[in-house]
Amino acid sequence: MATVFLSTLTPKFYVALTGTSSLISGLILIFEWWYFRKYGTSFIEQVSLNHLSPWIGGGDAAQNEGGATTNNNNNNQQAVPECKVWRNPLNLFRGSEYSRLTKSTQKEPLTYYDMNLSAQDHQTFFTCEADSNKPEYQIMQTAWRERNTEVRIKAAKSALEMNPECVCAYILLAEEECTNILDAEKMLRTGLKFAEISYKKSQALQHQSAMLELLHRRDTNALIYIKRRLAMCARKLGKMKEAIKMFRDLTKEVPAILNALNLHENLLEALLEVGAYADAQAVLARYDDISLPKSATICYTAALLKARAVADKFSPDVASKRGLTAAEMAAVEAIHRAVEFNPHVPKYLLETKPLILPPEHILKRGDSEAIAYAFFHLPHWKRVEGALNLLHCTWEGTFRMIPYPLEKGHLFYPYPTCTECADRELLPSFHEVSVYPKKELPFFIVFTAGLCSFTALLALLTHQYPEPMGHLARTVVGWWYVPIQYILEKLEAVLPSNLLHHLSRI
């Protein structure tokens, strides 16, 4: 029957069959590739693991085993934290810095997601429930959420017309309207004068009611924010002593906003700029504690300070012959520690990947944090003779120490798997996001690509040579039918004939 069926098939059938198979496999390949580019994994593989595996029975056991392993190794390995977006402590001014790139290249350095996070921060820091009956602050609440820059600036000016002491309006105008740092500094100094007045008024009344306490918290946030931005203006204008003093004074404060601003990173960068390495080491000793959260600035500054002691005399050829000294070993270990925390930074420091303007928010251990760090700290590494050479010779050794970074770390918890998606939201589209570890194409994408190419080739050959390809198809099917026929004959010899008869009827 199979022979009769195959002999009745025409060449057109084979052309249609191979063409349809090629089309279906091509569509699957396109969908798989799009899903992999967006989510970093294969759709078929994801469905197999999440939906089919539990039916088979492997999912629950794997989860139980994983849970037991986690409980047993709780003391040896920390739990993997969720990806949290932090405010960039060295973020630029929109009007005087980001807008210059937009005007010169017609490229937007900030994504809508990044700007939306900033708007949420500003609403949290500079507005409160006590402003519900103040029209100027209601205007500012909507101004932070506006997408258009001109609309935001116009709203801030209208708020100032209603109340010349509206501190939030001065902050917005300094950030977005002023086209240079000098103008931004003047605007912030004007806002600082009114912020201090508001702070003193609310400080005397903060204990009278909960609303007044919220008002005082808002005035405190505005005052500290303006002081920090003024210190950053002084840093950008070259007034380093003034900037360092302001940063030092701010790090002595204790309000909750300081946890979000990470002012010690501003202080470290300013101290490195003037070459005050001993002071930088003292600041680092205070914040590089096992109980405090780490950052690329802390880890790579520690590596730079240790590399500074040996980098000028370091030679890889000499070190390979005599071995590393204690100081060189400490520097190499510090570099490995920094690279394990954020493996994206060395490519920017070694200038093998182009830099862009840093975003207003960063993801720790992600590409966005690496850009923000290298943008300001690359000159400090260049200033230390031999530091970049030492980094170039040693940083890739970290990956040999940690062969499976997503599963197990050495000094830190395993590398998060969510950094790529968050960085793509934070960084502009014209930047090629750095991915670690570099993901290989899943098996199903390679398999689908091979299947699509093979069926497309068969369709082409069948269309060009229908008779020979039809004969080849019948021959191949005949080869496949031979072992099946042999197995059926053996079954007929072993099993009773009536059983096969009943099975055939079923």
Foldseek 3Di string as FASTA:
>chain_A
DVVVVLVPDFLVVLLVVLVVLLVVLVVQLVVQVVCCVQPVDGPVVVCCQPPVCVVVPNNVVVVVVVVVVCVVCVVPFPDDDDWDKAFQLLADFCQAPQVVCCVVPVFRFWFPVLLQVVLVVCCVQADDPLCPPPVLVVLQNVLSVDPDLVSSLVSLVVSCVSPVLRLSSLQSCLRHVDRHLVVSLVSLVSSLVSLVVQLVVLVVVLPVDVSSVRSNSSSVSSNLVSLSSNLSSCVVVVVLVVSLVSLVVSVPDDDPVCVRNVSLLVNLLSCLVVPVLVVSVVSLVVQVDPVHDDALSSLVSVLLSLCLVCQQPDDPVVCVVPNDDPSLVVSLVSLLVSCLFAVQQLCLLLVVFDADRAGRMDTGSFQSRSNSCSVRCSVSQVVRPRSNVSSVVRNVVSCVVPVDQQCQDDPHHRDDPCRVNVVVNGGGPVGDTDDPPDDDDDPVSVVSVVSSVVSVVSSVVSVVPVVVSSVVVVVVVVVVVVVVVVVVVVCPVPDDPVVVVVVVVD
